[in-house]
Amino acid sequence: MDEESQIRDMEFVMSYMRNFSNVDINNICSMGYSYGGIINVLFALRNFDIKCVLCLDGSICLKDRDRSVKKLPYFDPNLLRIPFMNMARKTHDEQDFDFYNNLKYSDAYLLRFKKMNHSAFRSKPRIRDFSNVNSVKNNFVGIII
């Protein structure tokens, strides 16, 4: 799935959420993990209803991020004028904080975790968590992968 399709999916969800009275549509944050950390930034650059961006070890801060992303007409760090936070893993050679460093009009935060690797930022179910069905049914909140 290309970037445009993923952004349009997010725009559909945002539009659909307007139908729910318990959703405060005026206070929506975009969050993405890994490559979703590019998609959620692009989504926010194109949708001014987003109030903040959170990247969980987002690929927006990688040297080899897709060149196609940089060619998009709205890919411009100067257009992001909302709070931006990137929670990044330990230092490695692939990191490039060029996007982060070029945020002129955004309150930008970078949190680096020395002992964490990329997969530490995701939530993954463990098989042993499903050994007791009643426990799972009573305690299940959700899974983000």
Protein backbone atom coordinates (compact mmCIF):
# COMPACT_ATOMS: atom_id res chain seq x y z
CA MET A 1 0.00 0.00 0.00
CA ASP A 2 1.46 3.37 -0.95
CA GLU A 3 1.59 6.48 1.24
CA GLU A 4 -1.39 8.13 -0.44
CA SER A 5 -3.65 5.14 0.21
CA GLN A 6 -2.65 5.02 3.88
CA ILE A 7 -3.24 8.76 4.33
CA ARG A 8 -6.65 8.50 2.66
CA ASP A 9 -7.52 5.62 5.01
CA MET A 10 -6.65 7.84 7.97
CA GLU A 11 -8.73 10.67 6.51
CA PHE A 12 -11.69 8.29 6.16
CA VAL A 13 -11.35 7.23 9.80
CA MET A 14 -11.12 10.86 10.89
CA SER A 15 -14.28 11.67 8.95
CA TYR A 16 -16.07 8.63 10.37
CA MET A 17 -15.10 9.58 13.94
CA ARG A 18 -17.08 12.80 13.58
CA ASN A 19 -20.23 10.66 13.94
CA PHE A 20 -19.47 9.73 17.56
CA SER A 21 -20.55 12.09 20.34
CA ASN A 22 -17.85 10.79 22.71
CA VAL A 23 -15.02 11.79 20.33
CA ASP A 24 -13.58 15.27 20.75
CA ILE A 25 -12.77 15.89 17.10
CA ASN A 26 -11.10 19.18 18.04
CA ASN A 27 -8.36 17.37 19.99
CA ILE A 28 -7.02 14.60 17.75
CA CYS A 29 -3.40 13.47 17.83
CA SER A 30 -1.80 11.43 15.07
CA MET A 31 0.45 8.59 16.24
CA GLY A 32 2.53 6.19 14.18
CA TYR A 33 5.08 3.45 14.73
CA SER A 34 7.94 2.71 12.31
CA TYR A 35 6.77 3.49 8.76
CA GLY A 36 3.56 4.75 10.32
CA GLY A 37 5.84 7.45 11.72
CA ILE A 38 6.08 8.85 8.20
CA ILE A 39 2.43 8.34 7.34
CA ASN A 40 1.15 10.09 10.46
CA VAL A 41 3.39 13.12 9.76
CA LEU A 42 2.15 13.30 6.16
CA PHE A 43 -1.41 12.99 7.44
CA ALA A 44 -0.87 15.92 9.81
CA LEU A 45 0.83 18.02 7.11
CA ARG A 46 -2.26 17.59 4.95
CA ASN A 47 -4.95 17.78 7.64
CA PHE A 48 -4.89 20.85 9.81
CA ASP A 49 -7.41 19.41 12.28
CA ILE A 50 -4.62 17.35 13.86
CA LYS A 51 -3.41 18.94 17.11
CA CYS A 52 -0.16 17.00 17.68
CA VAL A 53 2.03 14.27 16.20
CA LEU A 54 3.69 11.40 18.04
CA CYS A 55 6.18 9.09 16.33
CA LEU A 56 7.17 5.85 18.01
CA ASP A 57 10.63 5.29 16.53
CA GLY A 58 9.19 6.76 13.36
CA SER A 59 10.86 6.30 10.00
CA ILE A 60 10.52 10.04 9.46
CA CYS A 61 13.93 10.19 11.19
CA LEU A 62 15.78 7.67 8.99
CA LYS A 63 18.40 8.49 6.38
CA ASP A 64 16.92 6.30 3.70
CA ARG A 65 13.27 7.23 4.10
CA ASP A 66 11.42 6.98 0.82
CA ARG A 67 12.44 9.55 -1.74
CA SER A 68 8.87 9.51 -3.01
CA VAL A 69 7.79 10.95 0.36
CA LYS A 70 10.15 13.90 0.03
CA LYS A 71 8.72 14.64 -3.43
CA LEU A 72 5.16 15.05 -2.19
CA PRO A 73 4.02 18.69 -2.56
CA TYR A 74 3.07 18.99 1.11
CA PHE A 75 6.25 17.41 2.53
CA ASP A 76 7.68 20.49 4.18
CA PRO A 77 8.73 20.66 7.84
CA ASN A 78 7.77 24.36 7.84
CA LEU A 79 4.13 23.39 7.34
CA LEU A 80 4.01 21.47 10.62
CA ARG A 81 2.89 24.01 13.21
CA ILE A 82 1.71 21.71 15.97
CA PRO A 83 3.60 19.88 18.74
CA PHE A 84 5.75 17.04 17.42
CA MET A 85 7.38 14.31 19.51
CA ASN A 86 9.61 11.51 18.32
CA MET A 87 10.44 8.75 20.76
CA ALA A 88 13.55 7.11 19.31
CA ARG A 89 15.56 4.00 20.06
CA LYS A 90 19.23 3.87 20.89
CA THR A 91 21.61 5.62 18.50
CA HIS A 92 22.36 3.83 15.24
CA ASP A 93 23.85 4.71 11.86
CA GLU A 94 20.53 4.90 10.01
CA GLN A 95 19.19 7.82 12.05
CA ASP A 96 18.77 11.20 10.42
CA PHE A 97 17.05 13.92 12.39
CA ASP A 98 16.99 16.36 9.47
CA PHE A 99 13.18 16.56 9.49
CA TYR A 100 13.14 17.10 13.25
CA ASN A 101 15.89 19.73 13.09
CA ASN A 102 14.03 21.66 10.38
CA LEU A 103 10.84 22.08 12.37
CA LYS A 104 10.82 25.87 12.76
CA TYR A 105 7.21 26.45 13.78
CA SER A 106 6.55 23.40 15.91
CA ASP A 107 7.25 22.66 19.54
CA ALA A 108 9.45 19.65 18.79
CA TYR A 109 10.61 17.06 21.28
CA LEU A 110 13.01 14.18 20.82
CA LEU A 111 13.14 11.47 23.45
CA ARG A 112 15.91 8.92 22.99
CA PHE A 113 15.94 5.64 24.84
CA LYS A 114 19.42 4.14 25.08
CA LYS A 115 18.36 0.62 25.98
CA MET A 116 15.41 0.21 23.62
CA ASN A 117 15.41 -1.30 20.15
CA HIS A 118 12.88 -0.72 17.36
CA SER A 119 10.48 -3.49 18.34
CA ALA A 120 10.27 -2.17 21.91
CA PHE A 121 7.92 0.58 20.70
CA ARG A 122 5.19 -1.79 19.58
CA SER A 123 2.64 -3.80 21.47
CA LYS A 124 2.61 -7.48 20.69
CA PRO A 125 0.46 -10.14 22.28
CA ARG A 126 2.18 -12.97 24.08
CA ILE A 127 0.87 -16.50 23.69
CA ARG A 128 0.86 -17.04 27.44
CA ASP A 129 -1.55 -14.08 27.82
CA PHE A 130 -4.18 -16.16 26.03
CA SER A 131 -3.84 -19.28 28.18
CA ASN A 132 -6.78 -18.26 30.39
CA VAL A 133 -9.70 -17.19 28.20
CA ASN A 134 -11.66 -15.62 31.07
CA SER A 135 -8.67 -13.52 32.09
CA VAL A 136 -8.25 -12.29 28.52
CA LYS A 137 -11.93 -11.51 28.13
CA ASN A 138 -11.99 -9.46 31.35
CA ASN A 139 -8.69 -7.62 30.82
CA PHE A 140 -8.46 -7.16 27.06
CA VAL A 141 -8.07 -3.55 25.98
CA GLY A 142 -6.58 -3.78 22.48
CA ILE A 143 -3.57 -4.68 20.43
CA ILE A 144 -1.55 -2.34 18.26
CA ILE A 145 0.80 -4.02 15.81
